[in-house]
C-alpha cells in the first residue's frame, strides 16, 4: 500500500469540536471521581501492585501474551514459579513503577525516559536504525501500515513528540484531549523493534499522572481496548488514512470515562473489604496493625517473609499470625512447591471480576 507520512504535532485540525468537548466533560468528571475515591483509601499505594498487574495482564493480552490472574499474582511474590508469560506481566508492572518514579521525580517524560521504560518491557529492542519494519494484518499477512523507516526521521518525530508531551504551550488544549493524540503519534512512529504497543499504552497513564489528573496510575485502558480491539486498530488507521481525528479522540475519551467508572467500582469494593478485615482482625486478634492490613491487600498472595520484613517479627511469629488468620477463614493456606502461601480470596475475586 502507499506509504503514509506521519506529520509533526500538533494536528492541523480542530481538536475541540462539539463532539470532543462533550465527551471530554464526561471523561473529566469520571476521572475526577476516581481520583477522589482513590484518595479515600488510607494507603492508596497498595493499589499499585494489584492494579498494575491487572493492567500488565490486559496489555500483554492485546499482544497475544496470555496469562492467568493466579499465575501473575503467584509470580509477583515468587519469580521461581513464574511462567514465561507471567514474567512478561511482571516486567510490564515494573515498567509502570519506574515510569511513576520518573514522573514524580522529574515532572517530565522525555524520550530517554520512555526508552528506559520500554527496555524493561522488551529488552534489547532499541530505537530502530535499520529499515524494513512493517505492520501486517495478523490473519491475512497483508501490510496495513509502514511506519517511518529511517533513524533521522524517527528521531525528529520523537523530538517533536517529547516537546508535545512536556510543553503545555506547544498545543493549548486540555491534557485529556492530548492523551489520545500522544498515543496515536507514538504508535504511528513505532520507534522500537518491539514493545511499542505496550509502551504506548503505558504512556497513556503516565501522562495522566504527569498532568496531575491522577495521583497514582490506577486507570488502565487496556481492558477497554481488548473489548473493542477491532475499533482500536481501525480508528488508528483511519487517522492515518483519512485524518479522522475527531472519532479517534472521542473514542479514547469514552474509554477514559468507562474505565474510570469501572475502576471506581473496584476501588470501592477493595475499600469495603479492607474495612471488613480491619474490623474482624482488630476485634479478635491482639496482633492487629495497619501494616498487617496493608500487607494482606498489597498482594492477594502473602507469605511469611512479607510479615517478617514489614512487621519486623520472627519467622515463627509471622507464620503464627498467618495460620491464625487462615483458621479464622480470612486467608486460604496453600502449598506451592515447598512453600506455604496465604491467599486473600475475596480480594482475588474482586480483581478477577474486574
C-alpha atoms as a PDB file:
ATOM      1  CA  UNK A   1       0.000   0.000   0.000  1.00  0.00           C
ATOM      2  CA  UNK A   2       1.027   3.629  -0.467  1.00  0.00           C
ATOM      3  CA  UNK A   3       3.323   4.962   2.263  1.00  0.00           C
ATOM      4  CA  UNK A   4       1.676   7.231   4.839  1.00  0.00           C
ATOM      5  CA  UNK A   5       3.761  10.155   6.056  1.00  0.00           C
ATOM      6  CA  UNK A   6       3.319  10.989   9.734  1.00  0.00           C
ATOM      7  CA  UNK A   7       3.241  14.729  10.409  1.00  0.00           C
ATOM      8  CA  UNK A   8       4.628  16.624  13.393  1.00  0.00           C
ATOM      9  CA  UNK A   9       2.289  17.567  16.237  1.00  0.00           C
ATOM     10  CA  UNK A  10       0.026  19.347  16.962  1.00  0.00           C
ATOM     11  CA  UNK A  11      -2.515  18.075  14.430  1.00  0.00           C
ATOM     12  CA  UNK A  12      -3.605  20.642  11.876  1.00  0.00           C
ATOM     13  CA  UNK A  13      -7.294  20.124  12.667  1.00  0.00           C
ATOM     14  CA  UNK A  14      -9.868  21.320  15.193  1.00  0.00           C
ATOM     15  CA  UNK A  15      -9.344  19.177  18.295  1.00  0.00           C
ATOM     16  CA  UNK A  16     -12.077  20.928  20.264  1.00  0.00           C
ATOM     17  CA  UNK A  17     -15.178  20.118  18.238  1.00  0.00           C
ATOM     18  CA  UNK A  18     -18.587  19.909  19.919  1.00  0.00           C
ATOM     19  CA  UNK A  19     -18.418  16.086  19.975  1.00  0.00           C
ATOM     20  CA  UNK A  20     -14.937  16.079  21.528  1.00  0.00           C
ATOM     21  CA  UNK A  21     -15.780  18.670  24.180  1.00  0.00           C
ATOM     22  CA  UNK A  22     -18.998  16.863  25.081  1.00  0.00           C
ATOM     23  CA  UNK A  23     -17.136  13.591  25.669  1.00  0.00           C
ATOM     24  CA  UNK A  24     -14.272  15.447  27.375  1.00  0.00           C
ATOM     25  CA  UNK A  25     -16.702  16.713  30.001  1.00  0.00           C
ATOM     26  CA  UNK A  26     -17.896  13.173  30.773  1.00  0.00           C
ATOM     27  CA  UNK A  27     -14.358  11.766  30.883  1.00  0.00           C
ATOM     28  CA  UNK A  28     -13.064  14.597  33.096  1.00  0.00           C
ATOM     29  CA  UNK A  29     -15.921  14.147  35.567  1.00  0.00           C
ATOM     30  CA  UNK A  30     -15.389  10.365  35.819  1.00  0.00           C
ATOM     31  CA  UNK A  31     -11.622  10.752  36.174  1.00  0.00           C
ATOM     32  CA  UNK A  32     -12.050  13.342  38.923  1.00  0.00           C
ATOM     33  CA  UNK A  33     -14.395  10.995  40.792  1.00  0.00           C
ATOM     34  CA  UNK A  34     -11.854   8.172  40.507  1.00  0.00           C
ATOM     35  CA  UNK A  35      -9.081  10.382  41.870  1.00  0.00           C
ATOM     36  CA  UNK A  36     -11.317  11.251  44.834  1.00  0.00           C
ATOM     37  CA  UNK A  37     -12.248   7.626  45.577  1.00  0.00           C
ATOM     38  CA  UNK A  38      -8.605   6.523  45.487  1.00  0.00           C
ATOM     39  CA  UNK A  39      -7.715   9.249  47.988  1.00  0.00           C
ATOM     40  CA  UNK A  40     -10.180   7.737  50.499  1.00  0.00           C
ATOM     41  CA  UNK A  41      -8.051   4.597  50.871  1.00  0.00           C
ATOM     42  CA  UNK A  42      -5.617   5.302  53.763  1.00  0.00           C
ATOM     43  CA  UNK A  43      -2.666   3.782  51.904  1.00  0.00           C
ATOM     44  CA  UNK A  44      -3.581   4.049  48.232  1.00  0.00           C
ATOM     45  CA  UNK A  45      -0.123   2.746  47.296  1.00  0.00           C
ATOM     46  CA  UNK A  46      -1.452  -0.759  47.930  1.00  0.00           C
ATOM     47  CA  UNK A  47      -3.438  -0.383  44.692  1.00  0.00           C
ATOM     48  CA  UNK A  48      -0.216  -0.096  42.711  1.00  0.00           C
ATOM     49  CA  UNK A  49       0.737  -3.752  42.980  1.00  0.00           C
ATOM     50  CA  UNK A  50      -2.723  -5.224  42.498  1.00  0.00           C
ATOM     51  CA  UNK A  51      -3.956  -2.975  39.686  1.00  0.00           C
ATOM     52  CA  UNK A  52      -0.662  -2.635  37.799  1.00  0.00           C
ATOM     53  CA  UNK A  53      -0.555  -6.411  37.458  1.00  0.00           C
ATOM     54  CA  UNK A  54      -4.094  -6.400  36.073  1.00  0.00           C
ATOM     55  CA  UNK A  55      -3.112  -3.779  33.503  1.00  0.00           C
ATOM     56  CA  UNK A  56       0.027  -5.760  32.675  1.00  0.00           C
ATOM     57  CA  UNK A  57      -2.097  -8.850  32.080  1.00  0.00           C
ATOM     58  CA  UNK A  58      -4.556  -6.971  29.829  1.00  0.00           C
ATOM     59  CA  UNK A  59      -1.926  -5.029  27.888  1.00  0.00           C
ATOM     60  CA  UNK A  60       0.063  -8.188  27.208  1.00  0.00           C
ATOM     61  CA  UNK A  61      -3.109  -9.976  26.116  1.00  0.00           C
ATOM     62  CA  UNK A  62      -3.579  -7.400  23.340  1.00  0.00           C
ATOM     63  CA  UNK A  63      -0.213  -8.667  22.022  1.00  0.00           C
ATOM     64  CA  UNK A  64      -1.420 -12.285  22.431  1.00  0.00           C
ATOM     65  CA  UNK A  65       0.756 -12.815  25.520  1.00  0.00           C
ATOM     66  CA  UNK A  66      -1.821 -14.557  27.715  1.00  0.00           C
ATOM     67  CA  UNK A  67      -1.559 -15.418  31.404  1.00  0.00           C
ATOM     68  CA  UNK A  68      -3.998 -16.001  34.279  1.00  0.00           C
ATOM     69  CA  UNK A  69      -4.656 -13.947  37.409  1.00  0.00           C
ATOM     70  CA  UNK A  70      -3.339 -16.713  39.631  1.00  0.00           C
ATOM     71  CA  UNK A  71      -0.132 -17.008  37.603  1.00  0.00           C
ATOM     72  CA  UNK A  72       0.685 -13.310  37.763  1.00  0.00           C
ATOM     73  CA  UNK A  73      -0.028 -12.959  41.478  1.00  0.00           C
ATOM     74  CA  UNK A  74       1.968 -16.073  42.340  1.00  0.00           C
ATOM     75  CA  UNK A  75       4.822 -14.809  40.181  1.00  0.00           C
ATOM     76  CA  UNK A  76       4.696 -11.393  41.865  1.00  0.00           C
ATOM     77  CA  UNK A  77       5.770 -12.908  45.169  1.00  0.00           C
ATOM     78  CA  UNK A  78       7.989 -15.691  43.861  1.00  0.00           C
ATOM     79  CA  UNK A  79       9.518 -15.468  40.375  1.00  0.00           C
ATOM     80  CA  UNK A  80      10.801 -19.034  40.752  1.00  0.00           C
ATOM     81  CA  UNK A  81       7.274 -20.270  39.985  1.00  0.00           C
ATOM     82  CA  UNK A  82       6.659 -17.743  37.196  1.00  0.00           C
ATOM     83  CA  UNK A  83       5.745 -18.836  33.675  1.00  0.00           C
ATOM     84  CA  UNK A  84       7.288 -17.027  30.719  1.00  0.00           C
ATOM     85  CA  UNK A  85       4.087 -15.038  30.159  1.00  0.00           C
ATOM     86  CA  UNK A  86       3.787 -14.181  33.856  1.00  0.00           C
ATOM     87  CA  UNK A  87       7.338 -12.807  33.782  1.00  0.00           C
ATOM     88  CA  UNK A  88       6.279 -10.605  30.851  1.00  0.00           C
ATOM     89  CA  UNK A  89       3.477  -9.230  33.039  1.00  0.00           C
ATOM     90  CA  UNK A  90       5.905  -8.601  35.906  1.00  0.00           C
ATOM     91  CA  UNK A  91       8.192  -6.702  33.533  1.00  0.00           C
ATOM     92  CA  UNK A  92       5.271  -4.511  32.487  1.00  0.00           C
ATOM     93  CA  UNK A  93       4.294  -3.860  36.101  1.00  0.00           C
ATOM     94  CA  UNK A  94       7.887  -2.924  36.936  1.00  0.00           C
ATOM     95  CA  UNK A  95       7.945  -0.581  33.927  1.00  0.00           C
ATOM     96  CA  UNK A  96       4.850   1.222  35.258  1.00  0.00           C
ATOM     97  CA  UNK A  97       6.523   1.700  38.637  1.00  0.00           C
ATOM     98  CA  UNK A  98       9.707   3.024  37.026  1.00  0.00           C
ATOM     99  CA  UNK A  99       7.627   5.426  34.945  1.00  0.00           C
ATOM    100  CA  UNK A 100       5.801   6.636  38.047  1.00  0.00           C
ATOM    101  CA  UNK A 101       9.109   7.238  39.823  1.00  0.00           C
ATOM    102  CA  UNK A 102      10.402   9.229  36.833  1.00  0.00           C
ATOM    103  CA  UNK A 103       7.263  11.369  36.610  1.00  0.00           C
ATOM    104  CA  UNK A 104       7.241  12.075  40.344  1.00  0.00           C
ATOM    105  CA  UNK A 105      10.922  12.990  40.455  1.00  0.00           C
ATOM    106  CA  UNK A 106      11.234  14.942  37.210  1.00  0.00           C
ATOM    107  CA  UNK A 107       7.745  16.033  36.249  1.00  0.00           C
ATOM    108  CA  UNK A 108       8.773  15.249  32.685  1.00  0.00           C
ATOM    109  CA  UNK A 109       8.601  12.326  30.271  1.00  0.00           C
ATOM    110  CA  UNK A 110      11.482  12.522  27.849  1.00  0.00           C
ATOM    111  CA  UNK A 111      12.191  10.100  25.028  1.00  0.00           C
ATOM    112  CA  UNK A 112      15.168   8.796  27.010  1.00  0.00           C
ATOM    113  CA  UNK A 113      12.793   8.109  29.924  1.00  0.00           C
ATOM    114  CA  UNK A 114      10.354   6.314  27.631  1.00  0.00           C
ATOM    115  CA  UNK A 115      13.225   4.242  26.234  1.00  0.00           C
ATOM    116  CA  UNK A 116      14.213   3.210  29.774  1.00  0.00           C
ATOM    117  CA  UNK A 117      10.633   2.100  30.375  1.00  0.00           C
ATOM    118  CA  UNK A 118      10.460   0.261  27.044  1.00  0.00           C
ATOM    119  CA  UNK A 119      13.723  -1.544  27.820  1.00  0.00           C
ATOM    120  CA  UNK A 120      12.073  -3.189  30.846  1.00  0.00           C
ATOM    121  CA  UNK A 121       9.088  -4.255  28.746  1.00  0.00           C
ATOM    122  CA  UNK A 122      11.149  -5.514  25.812  1.00  0.00           C
ATOM    123  CA  UNK A 123      14.904  -5.615  26.476  1.00  0.00           C
ATOM    124  CA  UNK A 124      17.404  -5.356  23.633  1.00  0.00           C
ATOM    125  CA  UNK A 125      14.966  -3.744  21.192  1.00  0.00           C
ATOM    126  CA  UNK A 126      16.223  -0.149  20.843  1.00  0.00           C
ATOM    127  CA  UNK A 127      15.022   2.670  18.590  1.00  0.00           C
ATOM    128  CA  UNK A 128      15.032   1.358  15.024  1.00  0.00           C
ATOM    129  CA  UNK A 129      18.043   2.197  12.856  1.00  0.00           C
ATOM    130  CA  UNK A 130      17.535  -0.473  10.181  1.00  0.00           C
ATOM    131  CA  UNK A 131      14.657  -0.055   7.670  1.00  0.00           C
ATOM    132  CA  UNK A 132      12.230  -2.845   6.861  1.00  0.00           C
ATOM    133  CA  UNK A 133       9.653  -2.719   9.672  1.00  0.00           C
ATOM    134  CA  UNK A 134       6.029  -3.030   8.516  1.00  0.00           C
ATOM    135  CA  UNK A 135       2.772  -3.731  10.343  1.00  0.00           C
ATOM    136  CA  UNK A 136       0.690  -6.587   8.948  1.00  0.00           C
ATOM    137  CA  UNK A 137      -2.809  -7.919   9.375  1.00  0.00           C
ATOM    138  CA  UNK A 138      -2.179 -10.967  11.618  1.00  0.00           C
ATOM    139  CA  UNK A 139      -4.697 -13.073   9.674  1.00  0.00           C
ATOM    140  CA  UNK A 140      -4.056 -12.130   6.034  1.00  0.00           C
ATOM    141  CA  UNK A 141      -0.427 -11.021   6.499  1.00  0.00           C
ATOM    142  CA  UNK A 142      -1.229  -8.050   4.287  1.00  0.00           C
ATOM    143  CA  UNK A 143       0.833  -4.918   5.041  1.00  0.00           C
ATOM    144  CA  UNK A 144      -1.544  -2.363   6.575  1.00  0.00           C
ATOM    145  CA  UNK A 145       0.931   0.310   7.611  1.00  0.00           C
ATOM    146  CA  UNK A 146       4.576   1.162   7.047  1.00  0.00           C
ATOM    147  CA  UNK A 147       5.950   3.344   9.867  1.00  0.00           C
ATOM    148  CA  UNK A 148       8.837   5.801   9.341  1.00  0.00           C
ATOM    149  CA  UNK A 149      11.818   3.773   8.200  1.00  0.00           C
ATOM    150  CA  UNK A 150      14.926   5.873   8.737  1.00  0.00           C
ATOM    151  CA  UNK A 151      16.510   6.822  12.035  1.00  0.00           C
ATOM    152  CA  UNK A 152      16.768  10.543  11.311  1.00  0.00           C
ATOM    153  CA  UNK A 153      13.028  10.777  10.600  1.00  0.00           C
ATOM    154  CA  UNK A 154      12.144   8.638  13.630  1.00  0.00           C
ATOM    155  CA  UNK A 155      14.371  10.767  15.869  1.00  0.00           C
ATOM    156  CA  UNK A 156      12.905  14.016  14.511  1.00  0.00           C
ATOM    157  CA  UNK A 157       9.340  12.816  15.140  1.00  0.00           C
ATOM    158  CA  UNK A 158      10.270  11.651  18.651  1.00  0.00           C
ATOM    159  CA  UNK A 159      11.844  15.025  19.463  1.00  0.00           C
ATOM    160  CA  UNK A 160       8.623  16.695  18.351  1.00  0.00           C
ATOM    161  CA  UNK A 161       6.582  14.258  20.465  1.00  0.00           C
ATOM    162  CA  UNK A 162       8.749  14.971  23.508  1.00  0.00           C
ATOM    163  CA  UNK A 163       8.042  18.700  23.223  1.00  0.00           C
ATOM    164  CA  UNK A 164       4.341  17.998  22.756  1.00  0.00           C
ATOM    165  CA  UNK A 165       4.225  15.882  25.928  1.00  0.00           C
ATOM    166  CA  UNK A 166       6.140  18.292  28.139  1.00  0.00           C
ATOM    167  CA  UNK A 167       5.381  21.825  26.899  1.00  0.00           C
ATOM    168  CA  UNK A 168       1.755  22.900  27.534  1.00  0.00           C
ATOM    169  CA  UNK A 169       2.114  25.921  25.243  1.00  0.00           C
ATOM    170  CA  UNK A 170       3.012  23.645  22.339  1.00  0.00           C
ATOM    171  CA  UNK A 171      -0.702  22.829  21.995  1.00  0.00           C
ATOM    172  CA  UNK A 172      -3.054  24.846  24.165  1.00  0.00           C
ATOM    173  CA  UNK A 173      -5.768  22.271  24.783  1.00  0.00           C
ATOM    174  CA  UNK A 174      -6.939  20.014  27.609  1.00  0.00           C
ATOM    175  CA  UNK A 175      -4.446  17.265  28.588  1.00  0.00           C
ATOM    176  CA  UNK A 176      -7.193  14.653  28.226  1.00  0.00           C
ATOM    177  CA  UNK A 177      -7.523  15.636  24.567  1.00  0.00           C
ATOM    178  CA  UNK A 178      -3.760  15.485  24.146  1.00  0.00           C
ATOM    179  CA  UNK A 179      -3.523  11.953  25.586  1.00  0.00           C
ATOM    180  CA  UNK A 180      -5.134  10.195  22.561  1.00  0.00           C
ATOM    181  CA  UNK A 181      -3.056  12.387  20.239  1.00  0.00           C
ATOM    182  CA  UNK A 182       0.148  11.352  22.018  1.00  0.00           C
ATOM    183  CA  UNK A 183      -0.892   7.700  21.880  1.00  0.00           C
ATOM    184  CA  UNK A 184      -1.646   7.853  18.161  1.00  0.00           C
ATOM    185  CA  UNK A 185       1.643   9.575  17.387  1.00  0.00           C
ATOM    186  CA  UNK A 186       3.749   7.142  19.405  1.00  0.00           C
ATOM    187  CA  UNK A 187       2.075   4.094  17.875  1.00  0.00           C
ATOM    188  CA  UNK A 188       2.446   5.539  14.377  1.00  0.00           C
ATOM    189  CA  UNK A 189       6.131   6.376  14.822  1.00  0.00           C
ATOM    190  CA  UNK A 190       6.517   2.784  16.076  1.00  0.00           C
ATOM    191  CA  UNK A 191      10.038   3.663  17.192  1.00  0.00           C
ATOM    192  CA  UNK A 192      11.235   0.360  18.641  1.00  0.00           C
ATOM    193  CA  UNK A 193      11.763  -3.061  17.152  1.00  0.00           C
ATOM    194  CA  UNK A 194       9.380  -4.489  19.783  1.00  0.00           C
ATOM    195  CA  UNK A 195       7.245  -3.363  22.718  1.00  0.00           C
ATOM    196  CA  UNK A 196       5.657  -0.346  21.012  1.00  0.00           C
ATOM    197  CA  UNK A 197       2.036  -1.231  21.819  1.00  0.00           C
ATOM    198  CA  UNK A 198       2.665  -1.957  25.480  1.00  0.00           C
ATOM    199  CA  UNK A 199       4.891   1.092  25.915  1.00  0.00           C
ATOM    200  CA  UNK A 200       2.327   3.312  24.193  1.00  0.00           C
ATOM    201  CA  UNK A 201      -0.487   2.101  26.437  1.00  0.00           C
ATOM    202  CA  UNK A 202       1.676   2.633  29.499  1.00  0.00           C
ATOM    203  CA  UNK A 203       2.453   6.152  28.272  1.00  0.00           C
ATOM    204  CA  UNK A 204      -1.286   6.975  28.467  1.00  0.00           C
ATOM    205  CA  UNK A 205      -1.488   6.525  32.220  1.00  0.00           C
ATOM    206  CA  UNK A 206       1.881   8.086  32.990  1.00  0.00           C
ATOM    207  CA  UNK A 207       0.846  11.189  31.084  1.00  0.00           C
ATOM    208  CA  UNK A 208      -2.334  11.480  33.168  1.00  0.00           C
ATOM    209  CA  UNK A 209      -0.237  11.279  36.359  1.00  0.00           C
ATOM    210  CA  UNK A 210       2.267  13.788  34.977  1.00  0.00           C
ATOM    211  CA  UNK A 211      -0.606  16.194  34.299  1.00  0.00           C
ATOM    212  CA  UNK A 212      -1.980  15.810  37.837  1.00  0.00           C
ATOM    213  CA  UNK A 213      -5.214  14.185  36.677  1.00  0.00           C
ATOM    214  CA  UNK A 214      -4.419  11.173  38.871  1.00  0.00           C
ATOM    215  CA  UNK A 215      -2.072  10.776  41.842  1.00  0.00           C
ATOM    216  CA  UNK A 216      -1.144   7.178  41.123  1.00  0.00           C
ATOM    217  CA  UNK A 217      -1.535   5.127  37.935  1.00  0.00           C
ATOM    218  CA  UNK A 218      -4.794   3.257  38.524  1.00  0.00           C
ATOM    219  CA  UNK A 219      -6.716   3.972  35.299  1.00  0.00           C
ATOM    220  CA  UNK A 220      -5.821   1.422  32.657  1.00  0.00           C
ATOM    221  CA  UNK A 221      -7.315   1.480  29.181  1.00  0.00           C
ATOM    222  CA  UNK A 222      -6.083  -1.939  28.061  1.00  0.00           C
ATOM    223  CA  UNK A 223      -9.278  -3.685  29.200  1.00  0.00           C
ATOM    224  CA  UNK A 224     -11.314  -1.210  27.109  1.00  0.00           C
ATOM    225  CA  UNK A 225      -9.049  -1.825  24.113  1.00  0.00           C
ATOM    226  CA  UNK A 226      -9.373  -5.614  24.460  1.00  0.00           C
ATOM    227  CA  UNK A 227     -13.170  -5.341  24.420  1.00  0.00           C
ATOM    228  CA  UNK A 228     -13.041  -3.080  21.348  1.00  0.00           C
ATOM    229  CA  UNK A 229      -9.879  -4.280  19.666  1.00  0.00           C
ATOM    230  CA  UNK A 230     -11.108  -4.023  16.078  1.00  0.00           C
ATOM    231  CA  UNK A 231     -12.303  -0.447  16.655  1.00  0.00           C
ATOM    232  CA  UNK A 232      -8.943   0.445  18.204  1.00  0.00           C
ATOM    233  CA  UNK A 233      -6.918  -0.635  15.181  1.00  0.00           C
ATOM    234  CA  UNK A 234      -9.486   0.682  12.707  1.00  0.00           C
ATOM    235  CA  UNK A 235      -9.563   4.134  14.254  1.00  0.00           C
ATOM    236  CA  UNK A 236      -5.778   4.360  14.493  1.00  0.00           C
ATOM    237  CA  UNK A 237      -5.582   3.558  10.789  1.00  0.00           C
ATOM    238  CA  UNK A 238      -8.343   5.997   9.828  1.00  0.00           C
ATOM    239  CA  UNK A 239      -6.457   8.869  11.459  1.00  0.00           C
ATOM    240  CA  UNK A 240      -3.530   7.965   9.171  1.00  0.00           C
ATOM    241  CA  UNK A 241      -5.547   7.454   6.008  1.00  0.00           C
ATOM    242  CA  UNK A 242      -8.489   9.844   6.440  1.00  0.00           C
ATOM    243  CA  UNK A 243      -7.395  12.305   9.120  1.00  0.00           C
ATOM    244  CA  UNK A 244     -10.298  11.131  11.323  1.00  0.00           C
ATOM    245  CA  UNK A 245      -9.010  12.741  14.490  1.00  0.00           C
ATOM    246  CA  UNK A 246     -12.418  13.528  15.981  1.00  0.00           C
ATOM    247  CA  UNK A 247     -13.682   9.944  16.006  1.00  0.00           C
ATOM    248  CA  UNK A 248     -10.395   8.693  17.460  1.00  0.00           C
ATOM    249  CA  UNK A 249     -10.249  11.279  20.246  1.00  0.00           C
ATOM    250  CA  UNK A 250     -13.923  10.789  21.164  1.00  0.00           C
ATOM    251  CA  UNK A 251     -13.416   7.001  21.258  1.00  0.00           C
ATOM    252  CA  UNK A 252     -10.416   7.274  23.589  1.00  0.00           C
ATOM    253  CA  UNK A 253     -12.195   9.769  25.841  1.00  0.00           C
ATOM    254  CA  UNK A 254     -15.119   7.354  26.025  1.00  0.00           C
ATOM    255  CA  UNK A 255     -12.611   4.730  27.139  1.00  0.00           C
ATOM    256  CA  UNK A 256     -11.384   7.040  29.910  1.00  0.00           C
ATOM    257  CA  UNK A 257     -14.961   7.605  31.090  1.00  0.00           C
ATOM    258  CA  UNK A 258     -15.980   3.939  31.097  1.00  0.00           C
ATOM    259  CA  UNK A 259     -12.708   2.663  32.552  1.00  0.00           C
ATOM    260  CA  UNK A 260     -12.762   5.286  35.306  1.00  0.00           C
ATOM    261  CA  UNK A 261     -16.287   4.248  36.294  1.00  0.00           C
ATOM    262  CA  UNK A 262     -15.316   0.563  36.311  1.00  0.00           C
ATOM    263  CA  UNK A 263     -12.215   1.288  38.379  1.00  0.00           C
ATOM    264  CA  UNK A 264     -14.262   3.284  40.914  1.00  0.00           C
ATOM    265  CA  UNK A 265     -16.347   0.149  41.495  1.00  0.00           C
ATOM    266  CA  UNK A 266     -13.195  -1.949  42.003  1.00  0.00           C
ATOM    267  CA  UNK A 267     -11.582   0.601  44.337  1.00  0.00           C
ATOM    268  CA  UNK A 268     -14.746   0.881  46.451  1.00  0.00           C
ATOM    269  CA  UNK A 269     -15.049  -2.910  46.718  1.00  0.00           C
ATOM    270  CA  UNK A 270     -11.433  -3.115  47.878  1.00  0.00           C
ATOM    271  CA  UNK A 271     -12.019  -0.326  50.416  1.00  0.00           C
ATOM    272  CA  UNK A 272     -15.114  -2.050  51.841  1.00  0.00           C
ATOM    273  CA  UNK A 273     -13.232  -5.345  52.067  1.00  0.00           C
ATOM    274  CA  UNK A 274     -10.329  -3.643  53.844  1.00  0.00           C
ATOM    275  CA  UNK A 275     -12.729  -2.090  56.341  1.00  0.00           C
ATOM    276  CA  UNK A 276     -14.293  -5.504  56.952  1.00  0.00           C
ATOM    277  CA  UNK A 277     -10.890  -7.131  57.535  1.00  0.00           C
ATOM    278  CA  UNK A 278      -9.846  -4.314  59.876  1.00  0.00           C
ATOM    279  CA  UNK A 279     -12.985  -4.770  61.954  1.00  0.00           C
ATOM    280  CA  UNK A 280     -12.671  -8.571  62.144  1.00  0.00           C
ATOM    281  CA  UNK A 281      -8.943  -8.703  62.878  1.00  0.00           C
ATOM    282  CA  UNK A 282      -8.942  -5.789  65.328  1.00  0.00           C
ATOM    283  CA  UNK A 283     -11.923  -7.248  67.178  1.00  0.00           C
ATOM    284  CA  UNK A 284     -10.488 -10.759  67.512  1.00  0.00           C
ATOM    285  CA  UNK A 285      -6.671 -10.728  67.458  1.00  0.00           C
ATOM    286  CA  UNK A 286      -4.083  -8.873  69.516  1.00  0.00           C
ATOM    287  CA  UNK A 287      -1.644  -8.689  66.589  1.00  0.00           C
ATOM    288  CA  UNK A 288      -3.818  -6.306  64.547  1.00  0.00           C
ATOM    289  CA  UNK A 289      -1.972  -3.381  62.912  1.00  0.00           C
ATOM    290  CA  UNK A 290      -2.409  -1.062  59.932  1.00  0.00           C
ATOM    291  CA  UNK A 291       0.782  -2.510  58.473  1.00  0.00           C
ATOM    292  CA  UNK A 292      -0.679  -6.010  58.626  1.00  0.00           C
ATOM    293  CA  UNK A 293      -3.793  -4.898  56.707  1.00  0.00           C
ATOM    294  CA  UNK A 294      -1.601  -3.239  54.092  1.00  0.00           C
ATOM    295  CA  UNK A 295       0.345  -6.465  53.607  1.00  0.00           C
ATOM    296  CA  UNK A 296      -2.830  -8.522  53.170  1.00  0.00           C
ATOM    297  CA  UNK A 297      -4.121  -6.122  50.497  1.00  0.00           C
ATOM    298  CA  UNK A 298      -0.905  -5.281  48.689  1.00  0.00           C
ATOM    299  CA  UNK A 299      -0.843  -8.793  47.195  1.00  0.00           C
ATOM    300  CA  UNK A 300      -3.655 -11.349  47.030  1.00  0.00           C
ATOM    301  CA  UNK A 301      -0.902 -13.872  47.813  1.00  0.00           C
ATOM    302  CA  UNK A 302       1.045 -13.379  51.066  1.00  0.00           C
ATOM    303  CA  UNK A 303       3.955 -15.285  52.579  1.00  0.00           C
ATOM    304  CA  UNK A 304       5.888 -15.301  55.853  1.00  0.00           C
ATOM    305  CA  UNK A 305       8.733 -13.138  54.606  1.00  0.00           C
ATOM    306  CA  UNK A 306       6.375 -10.221  53.912  1.00  0.00           C
ATOM    307  CA  UNK A 307       5.370 -10.085  57.585  1.00  0.00           C
ATOM    308  CA  UNK A 308       8.939 -10.650  58.750  1.00  0.00           C
ATOM    309  CA  UNK A 309      10.149  -7.698  56.698  1.00  0.00           C
ATOM    310  CA  UNK A 310       7.257  -5.262  57.140  1.00  0.00           C
ATOM    311  CA  UNK A 311       6.286  -6.045  60.740  1.00  0.00           C
ATOM    312  CA  UNK A 312       9.844  -6.856  61.851  1.00  0.00           C
ATOM    313  CA  UNK A 313       8.801 -10.089  63.528  1.00  0.00           C
ATOM    314  CA  UNK A 314      10.431 -13.524  63.748  1.00  0.00           C
ATOM    315  CA  UNK A 315       9.568 -16.122  61.095  1.00  0.00           C
ATOM    316  CA  UNK A 316       7.689 -18.281  63.621  1.00  0.00           C
ATOM    317  CA  UNK A 317       5.642 -15.269  64.717  1.00  0.00           C
ATOM    318  CA  UNK A 318       4.811 -14.383  61.108  1.00  0.00           C
ATOM    319  CA  UNK A 319       3.771 -17.983  60.472  1.00  0.00           C
ATOM    320  CA  UNK A 320       1.610 -17.976  63.587  1.00  0.00           C
ATOM    321  CA  UNK A 321      -0.207 -14.804  62.507  1.00  0.00           C
ATOM    322  CA  UNK A 322      -0.927 -16.133  59.014  1.00  0.00           C
ATOM    323  CA  UNK A 323      -2.021 -19.555  60.226  1.00  0.00           C
ATOM    324  CA  UNK A 324      -4.354 -17.932  62.752  1.00  0.00           C
ATOM    325  CA  UNK A 325      -5.933 -15.786  60.017  1.00  0.00           C
ATOM    326  CA  UNK A 326      -6.249 -18.871  57.833  1.00  0.00           C
ATOM    327  CA  UNK A 327      -8.001 -20.816  60.585  1.00  0.00           C
ATOM    328  CA  UNK A 328     -10.378 -17.875  61.018  1.00  0.00           C
ATOM    329  CA  UNK A 329     -11.305 -18.089  57.325  1.00  0.00           C
ATOM    330  CA  UNK A 330      -9.763 -14.744  56.380  1.00  0.00           C
ATOM    331  CA  UNK A 331      -6.966 -16.289  54.323  1.00  0.00           C
ATOM    332  CA  UNK A 332      -6.662 -19.560  52.411  1.00  0.00           C
ATOM    333  CA  UNK A 333      -3.455 -21.519  53.014  1.00  0.00           C
ATOM    334  CA  UNK A 334      -1.992 -23.326  50.008  1.00  0.00           C
ATOM    335  CA  UNK A 335       1.296 -25.100  49.386  1.00  0.00           C
ATOM    336  CA  UNK A 336       3.110 -24.423  46.107  1.00  0.00           C
ATOM    337  CA  UNK A 337       6.298 -26.413  45.691  1.00  0.00           C
ATOM    338  CA  UNK A 338       7.919 -26.303  49.130  1.00  0.00           C
ATOM    339  CA  UNK A 339       6.410 -23.042  50.329  1.00  0.00           C
ATOM    340  CA  UNK A 340       3.197 -22.020  52.052  1.00  0.00           C
ATOM    341  CA  UNK A 341       1.221 -19.098  50.652  1.00  0.00           C
ATOM    342  CA  UNK A 342      -1.833 -17.400  52.105  1.00  0.00           C
ATOM    343  CA  UNK A 343      -4.451 -16.113  49.658  1.00  0.00           C
ATOM    344  CA  UNK A 344      -6.840 -13.248  50.262  1.00  0.00           C
ATOM    345  CA  UNK A 345      -9.596 -14.956  48.268  1.00  0.00           C
ATOM    346  CA  UNK A 346     -12.185 -12.128  48.435  1.00  0.00           C
ATOM    347  CA  UNK A 347      -9.576  -9.646  47.124  1.00  0.00           C
ATOM    348  CA  UNK A 348      -8.602 -12.037  44.340  1.00  0.00           C
ATOM    349  CA  UNK A 349     -12.275 -12.395  43.355  1.00  0.00           C
ATOM    350  CA  UNK A 350     -12.677  -8.605  43.113  1.00  0.00           C
ATOM    351  CA  UNK A 351      -9.673  -8.385  40.823  1.00  0.00           C
ATOM    352  CA  UNK A 352     -10.794 -11.303  38.668  1.00  0.00           C
ATOM    353  CA  UNK A 353     -14.323  -9.916  38.323  1.00  0.00           C
ATOM    354  CA  UNK A 354     -12.850  -6.643  37.095  1.00  0.00           C
END
